Amino acid sequence: MGILKIVLIVIHVIVSIGLIIGVLLHAGSQGGLSGIFGGGGGSMFSGSYIIEKNLDKITIVLGAVFAATTIALVWVFSPK
């Protein structure tokens, strides 16, 4: 197995674990329809809003890297 394949697999596994942790850290108490209609307006002025906003950005970046490594792994492991 080539070094590129090993590096891609290691990055993919690390990003997968990070993505799982990032998704599990999201607050689930304000989800659903109550969150859409303004159920969490008070948290915007607290410090937790900033943390949730940064967690959203990190999760989006991890999702994009996960998608990129998935496509790269399919390309590398496809039969020639």
Protein backbone atom coordinates (compact mmCIF):
# COMPACT_ATOMS: atom_id res chain seq x y z
CA MET A 1 0.00 0.00 0.00
CA GLY A 2 1.40 3.37 -0.97
CA ILE A 3 2.14 6.22 1.38
CA LEU A 4 -0.65 8.34 -0.18
CA LYS A 5 -3.25 5.71 0.66
CA ILE A 6 -2.04 5.43 4.25
CA VAL A 7 -2.01 9.20 4.74
CA LEU A 8 -5.52 9.54 3.28
CA ILE A 9 -6.87 6.78 5.50
CA VAL A 10 -5.31 8.31 8.63
CA ILE A 11 -6.68 11.78 7.80
CA HIS A 12 -10.09 10.29 7.02
CA VAL A 13 -10.25 8.43 10.34
CA ILE A 14 -9.17 11.49 12.34
CA VAL A 15 -11.69 13.72 10.56
CA SER A 16 -14.42 11.10 11.03
CA ILE A 17 -13.83 11.01 14.79
CA GLY A 18 -13.75 14.81 14.94
CA LEU A 19 -16.97 15.04 12.97
CA ILE A 20 -18.71 12.58 15.27
CA ILE A 21 -17.58 14.53 18.33
CA GLY A 22 -18.57 17.84 16.74
CA VAL A 23 -22.07 16.64 15.93
CA LEU A 24 -22.54 15.14 19.39
CA LEU A 25 -21.48 18.40 21.08
CA HIS A 26 -24.29 20.39 19.47
CA ALA A 27 -27.02 21.32 21.90
CA GLY A 28 -30.13 19.28 21.26
CA SER A 29 -32.51 21.04 23.65
CA GLN A 30 -33.54 23.76 21.18
CA GLY A 31 -33.86 21.66 18.09
CA GLY A 32 -36.93 21.12 16.00
CA LEU A 33 -39.72 23.59 15.42
CA SER A 34 -39.36 25.43 18.73
CA GLY A 35 -35.84 26.51 17.78
CA ILE A 36 -37.04 27.76 14.40
CA PHE A 37 -39.71 29.99 15.96
CA GLY A 38 -37.35 31.75 18.35
CA GLY A 39 -37.12 29.37 21.26
CA GLY A 40 -33.46 30.22 21.88
CA GLY A 41 -33.36 33.99 21.53
CA GLY A 42 -31.96 34.56 25.00
CA SER A 43 -28.82 32.55 24.39
CA MET A 44 -27.66 35.01 21.75
CA PHE A 45 -26.38 37.40 24.42
CA SER A 46 -24.54 34.80 26.45
CA GLY A 47 -21.13 33.27 25.88
CA SER A 48 -22.61 29.96 24.79
CA TYR A 49 -23.85 31.55 21.56
CA ILE A 50 -20.27 32.27 20.46
CA ILE A 51 -19.19 28.74 21.31
CA GLU A 52 -22.09 27.25 19.34
CA LYS A 53 -21.30 29.51 16.39
CA ASN A 54 -17.67 28.39 16.37
CA LEU A 55 -18.72 24.77 16.78
CA ASP A 56 -20.95 25.16 13.73
CA LYS A 57 -18.02 26.47 11.68
CA ILE A 58 -15.74 23.67 12.84
CA THR A 59 -18.38 21.06 12.01
CA ILE A 60 -18.87 22.52 8.53
CA VAL A 61 -15.12 22.48 7.85
CA LEU A 62 -14.82 18.90 9.14
CA GLY A 63 -17.74 17.88 6.93
CA ALA A 64 -16.09 19.41 3.88
CA VAL A 65 -12.77 17.71 4.64
CA PHE A 66 -14.62 14.42 5.21
CA ALA A 67 -16.30 14.73 1.81
CA ALA A 68 -12.98 15.58 0.13
CA THR A 69 -11.14 12.67 1.70
CA THR A 70 -14.00 10.32 0.81
CA ILE A 71 -13.79 11.36 -2.85
CA ALA A 72 -10.00 11.08 -2.76
CA LEU A 73 -10.18 7.57 -1.27
CA VAL A 74 -12.65 6.47 -3.93
CA TRP A 75 -10.35 7.84 -6.61
CA VAL A 76 -7.22 6.23 -5.13
CA PHE A 77 -8.79 2.82 -4.50
CA SER A 78 -10.75 2.59 -7.76
CA PRO A 79 -9.62 -0.18 -10.09
CA LYS A 80 -7.49 1.11 -12.90
